[in-house]
């Protein structure tokens, strides 16, 4: 069951990452790719794949900082 769940998160992540590559607006790209990174991180957690977890968590942190900086720049 854990294997099937990890595969589902992997395909979910793939769909969001691919969608992010097709998006036109920079913030849309960041959000879609971030959701994909979260999916891959969860897949890595379910399978115990440390490099997959670490690489995607790092990408999530970078994207979160960029999203927050962009929101602050637009609001203030």
PDB file of N, CA and C in Angstrom:
ATOM      1  N   UNK A   1       0.814  -1.202   0.000  1.00  0.00           N
ATOM      2  CA  UNK A   1       0.000   0.000   0.000  1.00  0.00           C
ATOM      3  C   UNK A   1       0.856   1.264   0.000  1.00  0.00           C
ATOM      4  N   UNK A   2       1.931   1.245   0.794  1.00  0.00           N
ATOM      5  CA  UNK A   2       2.833   2.390   0.862  1.00  0.00           C
ATOM      6  C   UNK A   2       3.464   2.656  -0.506  1.00  0.00           C
ATOM      7  N   UNK A   3       3.801   1.587  -1.207  1.00  0.00           N
ATOM      8  CA  UNK A   3       4.388   1.714  -2.543  1.00  0.00           C
ATOM      9  C   UNK A   3       3.409   2.404  -3.492  1.00  0.00           C
ATOM     10  N   UNK A   4       2.163   1.978  -3.469  1.00  0.00           N
ATOM     11  CA  UNK A   4       1.151   2.569  -4.354  1.00  0.00           C
ATOM     12  C   UNK A   4       0.956   4.047  -4.026  1.00  0.00           C
ATOM     13  N   UNK A   5       0.925   4.362  -2.758  1.00  0.00           N
ATOM     14  CA  UNK A   5       0.779   5.758  -2.332  1.00  0.00           C
ATOM     15  C   UNK A   5       1.971   6.598  -2.788  1.00  0.00           C
ATOM     16  N   UNK A   6       3.175   6.061  -2.649  1.00  0.00           N
ATOM     17  CA  UNK A   6       4.364   6.803  -3.077  1.00  0.00           C
ATOM     18  C   UNK A   6       4.348   7.027  -4.590  1.00  0.00           C
ATOM     19  N   UNK A   7       3.890   6.035  -5.338  1.00  0.00           N
ATOM     20  CA  UNK A   7       3.789   6.182  -6.785  1.00  0.00           C
ATOM     21  C   UNK A   7       2.747   7.234  -7.169  1.00  0.00           C
ATOM     22  N   UNK A   8       1.635   7.250  -6.451  1.00  0.00           N
ATOM     23  CA  UNK A   8       0.592   8.249  -6.721  1.00  0.00           C
ATOM     24  C   UNK A   8       1.133   9.662  -6.487  1.00  0.00           C
ATOM     25  N   UNK A   9       1.862   9.849  -5.387  1.00  0.00           N
ATOM     26  CA  UNK A   9       2.460  11.165  -5.131  1.00  0.00           C
ATOM     27  C   UNK A   9       3.491  11.514  -6.204  1.00  0.00           C
ATOM     28  N   UNK A  10       4.231  10.533  -6.678  1.00  0.00           N
ATOM     29  CA  UNK A  10       5.206  10.773  -7.736  1.00  0.00           C
ATOM     30  C   UNK A  10       4.557  11.251  -9.030  1.00  0.00           C
ATOM     31  N   UNK A  11       3.451  10.608  -9.414  1.00  0.00           N
ATOM     32  CA  UNK A  11       2.748  11.023 -10.633  1.00  0.00           C
ATOM     33  C   UNK A  11       2.084  12.380 -10.448  1.00  0.00           C
ATOM     34  N   UNK A  12       1.540  12.616  -9.270  1.00  0.00           N
ATOM     35  CA  UNK A  12       0.955  13.913  -8.922  1.00  0.00           C
ATOM     36  C   UNK A  12       2.025  15.003  -9.058  1.00  0.00           C
ATOM     37  N   UNK A  13       3.191  14.726  -8.495  1.00  0.00           N
ATOM     38  CA  UNK A  13       4.302  15.677  -8.548  1.00  0.00           C
ATOM     39  C   UNK A  13       4.743  15.929  -9.982  1.00  0.00           C
ATOM     40  N   UNK A  14       4.815  14.877 -10.764  1.00  0.00           N
ATOM     41  CA  UNK A  14       5.217  15.003 -12.168  1.00  0.00           C
ATOM     42  C   UNK A  14       4.254  15.916 -12.921  1.00  0.00           C
ATOM     43  N   UNK A  15       2.957  15.740 -12.697  1.00  0.00           N
ATOM     44  CA  UNK A  15       1.952  16.568 -13.383  1.00  0.00           C
ATOM     45  C   UNK A  15       2.111  18.047 -13.026  1.00  0.00           C
ATOM     46  N   UNK A  16       2.342  18.338 -11.752  1.00  0.00           N
ATOM     47  CA  UNK A  16       2.489  19.735 -11.338  1.00  0.00           C
ATOM     48  C   UNK A  16       3.797  20.336 -11.834  1.00  0.00           C
ATOM     49  N   UNK A  17       4.869  19.564 -11.794  1.00  0.00           N
ATOM     50  CA  UNK A  17       6.149  20.093 -12.290  1.00  0.00           C
ATOM     51  C   UNK A  17       6.067  20.363 -13.789  1.00  0.00           C
ATOM     52  N   UNK A  18       5.461  19.470 -14.545  1.00  0.00           N
ATOM     53  CA  UNK A  18       5.306  19.680 -15.988  1.00  0.00           C
ATOM     54  C   UNK A  18       4.420  20.883 -16.263  1.00  0.00           C
ATOM     55  N   UNK A  19       3.348  21.019 -15.497  1.00  0.00           N
ATOM     56  CA  UNK A  19       2.458  22.178 -15.663  1.00  0.00           C
ATOM     57  C   UNK A  19       3.209  23.475 -15.383  1.00  0.00           C
ATOM     58  N   UNK A  20       4.078  23.447 -14.396  1.00  0.00           N
ATOM     59  CA  UNK A  20       4.875  24.629 -14.074  1.00  0.00           C
ATOM     60  C   UNK A  20       5.787  25.039 -15.219  1.00  0.00           C
ATOM     61  N   UNK A  21       6.292  24.062 -15.945  1.00  0.00           N
ATOM     62  CA  UNK A  21       7.165  24.372 -17.079  1.00  0.00           C
ATOM     63  C   UNK A  21       6.390  24.980 -18.242  1.00  0.00           C
ATOM     64  N   UNK A  22       5.089  24.751 -18.276  1.00  0.00           N
ATOM     65  CA  UNK A  22       4.261  25.293 -19.357  1.00  0.00           C
ATOM     66  C   UNK A  22       3.613  26.625 -18.999  1.00  0.00           C
ATOM     67  N   UNK A  23       3.609  26.970 -17.725  1.00  0.00           N
ATOM     68  CA  UNK A  23       2.958  28.203 -17.277  1.00  0.00           C
ATOM     69  C   UNK A  23       3.721  29.429 -17.785  1.00  0.00           C
ATOM     70  N   UNK A  24       2.999  30.511 -17.960  1.00  0.00           N
ATOM     71  CA  UNK A  24       3.590  31.747 -18.484  1.00  0.00           C
ATOM     72  C   UNK A  24       3.965  32.745 -17.399  1.00  0.00           C
ATOM     73  N   UNK A  25       3.151  32.849 -16.355  1.00  0.00           N
ATOM     74  CA  UNK A  25       3.399  33.836 -15.300  1.00  0.00           C
ATOM     75  C   UNK A  25       4.402  33.277 -14.298  1.00  0.00           C
ATOM     76  N   UNK A  26       5.402  34.063 -13.925  1.00  0.00           N
ATOM     77  CA  UNK A  26       6.426  33.583 -12.996  1.00  0.00           C
ATOM     78  C   UNK A  26       5.878  33.053 -11.668  1.00  0.00           C
ATOM     79  N   UNK A  27       4.889  33.724 -11.098  1.00  0.00           N
ATOM     80  CA  UNK A  27       4.345  33.254  -9.820  1.00  0.00           C
ATOM     81  C   UNK A  27       3.590  31.940  -9.988  1.00  0.00           C
ATOM     82  N   UNK A  28       2.924  31.765 -11.114  1.00  0.00           N
ATOM     83  CA  UNK A  28       2.241  30.498 -11.387  1.00  0.00           C
ATOM     84  C   UNK A  28       3.263  29.376 -11.501  1.00  0.00           C
ATOM     85  N   UNK A  29       4.367  29.655 -12.178  1.00  0.00           N
ATOM     86  CA  UNK A  29       5.448  28.671 -12.288  1.00  0.00           C
ATOM     87  C   UNK A  29       5.934  28.272 -10.896  1.00  0.00           C
ATOM     88  N   UNK A  30       6.190  29.267 -10.060  1.00  0.00           N
ATOM     89  CA  UNK A  30       6.704  28.995  -8.714  1.00  0.00           C
ATOM     90  C   UNK A  30       5.731  28.156  -7.894  1.00  0.00           C
ATOM     91  N   UNK A  31       4.452  28.472  -7.959  1.00  0.00           N
ATOM     92  CA  UNK A  31       3.464  27.720  -7.189  1.00  0.00           C
ATOM     93  C   UNK A  31       3.328  26.286  -7.698  1.00  0.00           C
ATOM     94  N   UNK A  32       3.219  26.114  -9.007  1.00  0.00           N
ATOM     95  CA  UNK A  32       3.052  24.762  -9.563  1.00  0.00           C
ATOM     96  C   UNK A  32       4.279  23.889  -9.301  1.00  0.00           C
ATOM     97  N   UNK A  33       5.455  24.451  -9.510  1.00  0.00           N
ATOM     98  CA  UNK A  33       6.681  23.694  -9.266  1.00  0.00           C
ATOM     99  C   UNK A  33       6.823  23.384  -7.771  1.00  0.00           C
ATOM    100  N   UNK A  34       6.429  24.313  -6.923  1.00  0.00           N
ATOM    101  CA  UNK A  34       6.490  24.062  -5.478  1.00  0.00           C
ATOM    102  C   UNK A  34       5.573  22.916  -5.066  1.00  0.00           C
ATOM    103  N   UNK A  35       4.377  22.886  -5.613  1.00  0.00           N
ATOM    104  CA  UNK A  35       3.460  21.776  -5.321  1.00  0.00           C
ATOM    105  C   UNK A  35       4.073  20.462  -5.806  1.00  0.00           C
ATOM    106  N   UNK A  36       4.681  20.508  -6.987  1.00  0.00           N
ATOM    107  CA  UNK A  36       5.373  19.310  -7.494  1.00  0.00           C
ATOM    108  C   UNK A  36       6.520  18.891  -6.594  1.00  0.00           C
ATOM    109  N   UNK A  37       7.300  19.850  -6.131  1.00  0.00           N
ATOM    110  CA  UNK A  37       8.404  19.528  -5.211  1.00  0.00           C
ATOM    111  C   UNK A  37       7.882  18.909  -3.922  1.00  0.00           C
ATOM    112  N   UNK A  38       6.771  19.423  -3.422  1.00  0.00           N
ATOM    113  CA  UNK A  38       6.179  18.857  -2.200  1.00  0.00           C
ATOM    114  C   UNK A  38       5.750  17.411  -2.447  1.00  0.00           C
ATOM    115  N   UNK A  39       5.157  17.168  -3.605  1.00  0.00           N
ATOM    116  CA  UNK A  39       4.758  15.801  -3.951  1.00  0.00           C
ATOM    117  C   UNK A  39       5.937  14.857  -4.016  1.00  0.00           C
ATOM    118  N   UNK A  40       7.034  15.311  -4.624  1.00  0.00           N
ATOM    119  CA  UNK A  40       8.234  14.472  -4.697  1.00  0.00           C
ATOM    120  C   UNK A  40       8.852  14.267  -3.319  1.00  0.00           C
ATOM    121  N   UNK A  41       8.814  15.282  -2.470  1.00  0.00           N
ATOM    122  CA  UNK A  41       9.339  15.130  -1.112  1.00  0.00           C
ATOM    123  C   UNK A  41       8.520  14.092  -0.339  1.00  0.00           C
ATOM    124  N   UNK A  42       7.211  14.146  -0.483  1.00  0.00           N
ATOM    125  CA  UNK A  42       6.347  13.164   0.190  1.00  0.00           C
ATOM    126  C   UNK A  42       6.623  11.763  -0.353  1.00  0.00           C
ATOM    127  N   UNK A  43       6.770  11.656  -1.666  1.00  0.00           N
ATOM    128  CA  UNK A  43       7.110  10.358  -2.255  1.00  0.00           C
ATOM    129  C   UNK A  43       8.427   9.843  -1.679  1.00  0.00           C
ATOM    130  N   UNK A  44       9.386  10.730  -1.538  1.00  0.00           N
ATOM    131  CA  UNK A  44      10.676  10.351  -0.958  1.00  0.00           C
ATOM    132  C   UNK A  44      10.547   9.914   0.488  1.00  0.00           C
ATOM    133  N   UNK A  45       9.700  10.586   1.242  1.00  0.00           N
ATOM    134  CA  UNK A  45       9.474  10.203   2.639  1.00  0.00           C
ATOM    135  C   UNK A  45       8.859   8.806   2.702  1.00  0.00           C
ATOM    136  N   UNK A  46       7.892   8.553   1.848  1.00  0.00           N
ATOM    137  CA  UNK A  46       7.214   7.255   1.848  1.00  0.00           C
ATOM    138  C   UNK A  46       8.133   6.106   1.446  1.00  0.00           C
ATOM    139  N   UNK A  47       9.129   6.402   0.620  1.00  0.00           N
ATOM    140  CA  UNK A  47      10.037   5.355   0.156  1.00  0.00           C
ATOM    141  C   UNK A  47      11.369   5.362   0.889  1.00  0.00           C
ATOM    142  N   UNK A  48      11.592   6.367   1.750  1.00  0.00           N
ATOM    143  CA  UNK A  48      12.858   6.463   2.470  1.00  0.00           C
ATOM    144  C   UNK A  48      14.016   6.892   1.583  1.00  0.00           C
ATOM    145  N   UNK A  49      13.720   7.630   0.526  1.00  0.00           N
ATOM    146  CA  UNK A  49      14.736   8.087  -0.419  1.00  0.00           C
ATOM    147  C   UNK A  49      15.258   9.459   0.033  1.00  0.00           C
ATOM    148  N   UNK A  50      16.336   9.440   0.785  1.00  0.00           N
ATOM    149  CA  UNK A  50      16.877  10.664   1.394  1.00  0.00           C
ATOM    150  C   UNK A  50      17.272  11.726   0.355  1.00  0.00           C
ATOM    151  N   UNK A  51      17.993  11.377  -0.726  1.00  0.00           N
ATOM    152  CA  UNK A  51      18.334  12.419  -1.702  1.00  0.00           C
ATOM    153  C   UNK A  51      17.097  13.082  -2.327  1.00  0.00           C
ATOM    154  N   UNK A  52      16.055  12.308  -2.562  1.00  0.00           N
ATOM    155  CA  UNK A  52      14.827  12.862  -3.124  1.00  0.00           C
ATOM    156  C   UNK A  52      14.174  13.836  -2.134  1.00  0.00           C
ATOM    157  N   UNK A  53      14.182  13.456  -0.875  1.00  0.00           N
ATOM    158  CA  UNK A  53      13.612  14.320   0.165  1.00  0.00           C
ATOM    159  C   UNK A  53      14.409  15.622   0.264  1.00  0.00           C
ATOM    160  N   UNK A  54      15.711  15.504   0.422  1.00  0.00           N
ATOM    161  CA  UNK A  54      16.561  16.683   0.653  1.00  0.00           C
ATOM    162  C   UNK A  54      16.525  17.633  -0.542  1.00  0.00           C
ATOM    163  N   UNK A  55      16.658  17.104  -1.745  1.00  0.00           N
ATOM    164  CA  UNK A  55      16.685  17.981  -2.920  1.00  0.00           C
ATOM    165  C   UNK A  55      15.378  18.742  -3.083  1.00  0.00           C
ATOM    166  N   UNK A  56      14.267  18.080  -2.842  1.00  0.00           N
ATOM    167  CA  UNK A  56      12.984  18.748  -3.018  1.00  0.00           C
ATOM    168  C   UNK A  56      12.632  19.683  -1.868  1.00  0.00           C
ATOM    169  N   UNK A  57      13.070  19.369  -0.668  1.00  0.00           N
ATOM    170  CA  UNK A  57      12.855  20.290   0.448  1.00  0.00           C
ATOM    171  C   UNK A  57      13.691  21.563   0.240  1.00  0.00           C
ATOM    172  N   UNK A  58      14.909  21.416  -0.249  1.00  0.00           N
ATOM    173  CA  UNK A  58      15.731  22.595  -0.558  1.00  0.00           C
ATOM    174  C   UNK A  58      15.040  23.456  -1.607  1.00  0.00           C
ATOM    175  N   UNK A  59      14.528  22.824  -2.657  1.00  0.00           N
ATOM    176  CA  UNK A  59      13.816  23.576  -3.697  1.00  0.00           C
ATOM    177  C   UNK A  59      12.570  24.254  -3.129  1.00  0.00           C
ATOM    178  N   UNK A  60      11.851  23.574  -2.238  1.00  0.00           N
ATOM    179  CA  UNK A  60      10.678  24.176  -1.613  1.00  0.00           C
ATOM    180  C   UNK A  60      11.048  25.413  -0.801  1.00  0.00           C
ATOM    181  N   UNK A  61      12.132  25.329  -0.072  1.00  0.00           N
ATOM    182  CA  UNK A  61      12.583  26.470   0.735  1.00  0.00           C
ATOM    183  C   UNK A  61      12.940  27.651  -0.163  1.00  0.00           C
ATOM    184  N   UNK A  62      13.681  27.383  -1.233  1.00  0.00           N
ATOM    185  CA  UNK A  62      14.071  28.445  -2.166  1.00  0.00           C
ATOM    186  C   UNK A  62      12.830  29.092  -2.778  1.00  0.00           C
ATOM    187  N   UNK A  63      11.886  28.271  -3.228  1.00  0.00           N
ATOM    188  CA  UNK A  63      10.667  28.806  -3.840  1.00  0.00           C
ATOM    189  C   UNK A  63       9.840  29.582  -2.822  1.00  0.00           C
ATOM    190  N   UNK A  64       9.753  29.093  -1.585  1.00  0.00           N
ATOM    191  CA  UNK A  64       8.987  29.796  -0.551  1.00  0.00           C
ATOM    192  C   UNK A  64       9.574  31.178  -0.290  1.00  0.00           C
ATOM    193  N   UNK A  65      10.891  31.261  -0.225  1.00  0.00           N
ATOM    194  CA  UNK A  65      11.554  32.561  -0.031  1.00  0.00           C
ATOM    195  C   UNK A  65      11.226  33.485  -1.200  1.00  0.00           C
ATOM    196  N   UNK A  66      11.278  32.974  -2.413  1.00  0.00           N
ATOM    197  CA  UNK A  66      10.969  33.790  -3.593  1.00  0.00           C
ATOM    198  C   UNK A  66       9.517  34.253  -3.596  1.00  0.00           C
ATOM    199  N   UNK A  67       8.607  33.362  -3.237  1.00  0.00           N
ATOM    200  CA  UNK A  67       7.183  33.721  -3.200  1.00  0.00           C
ATOM    201  C   UNK A  67       6.939  34.789  -2.143  1.00  0.00           C
ATOM    202  N   UNK A  68       7.536  34.632  -0.967  1.00  0.00           N
ATOM    203  CA  UNK A  68       7.374  35.613   0.118  1.00  0.00           C
ATOM    204  C   UNK A  68       7.974  36.960  -0.281  1.00  0.00           C
ATOM    205  N   UNK A  69       9.172  36.944  -0.876  1.00  0.00           N
ATOM    206  CA  UNK A  69       9.794  38.200  -1.325  1.00  0.00           C
ATOM    207  C   UNK A  69       8.927  38.902  -2.356  1.00  0.00           C
ATOM    208  N   UNK A  70       8.338  38.132  -3.265  1.00  0.00           N
ATOM    209  CA  UNK A  70       7.496  38.712  -4.301  1.00  0.00           C
ATOM    210  C   UNK A  70       6.240  39.312  -3.695  1.00  0.00           C
ATOM    211  N   UNK A  71       5.620  38.625  -2.739  1.00  0.00           N
ATOM    212  CA  UNK A  71       4.415  39.145  -2.100  1.00  0.00           C
ATOM    213  C   UNK A  71       4.714  40.428  -1.335  1.00  0.00           C
ATOM    214  N   UNK A  72       5.828  40.468  -0.624  1.00  0.00           N
ATOM    215  CA  UNK A  72       6.207  41.676   0.117  1.00  0.00           C
ATOM    216  C   UNK A  72       6.481  42.825  -0.827  1.00  0.00           C
ATOM    217  N   UNK A  73       7.096  42.537  -1.965  1.00  0.00           N
ATOM    218  CA  UNK A  73       7.397  43.572  -2.948  1.00  0.00           C
ATOM    219  C   UNK A  73       6.137  44.157  -3.566  1.00  0.00           C
ATOM    220  N   UNK A  74       5.106  43.342  -3.732  1.00  0.00           N
ATOM    221  CA  UNK A  74       3.860  43.807  -4.319  1.00  0.00           C
ATOM    222  C   UNK A  74       2.963  44.537  -3.319  1.00  0.00           C
ATOM    223  N   UNK A  75       3.160  44.250  -2.041  1.00  0.00           N
ATOM    224  CA  UNK A  75       2.303  44.862  -1.020  1.00  0.00           C
ATOM    225  C   UNK A  75       2.907  46.111  -0.384  1.00  0.00           C
ATOM    226  N   UNK A  76       4.162  46.319  -0.562  1.00  0.00           N
ATOM    227  CA  UNK A  76       4.691  47.410   0.210  1.00  0.00           C
ATOM    228  C   UNK A  76       5.620  48.279  -0.471  1.00  0.00           C
TER     229      UNK A  76
END
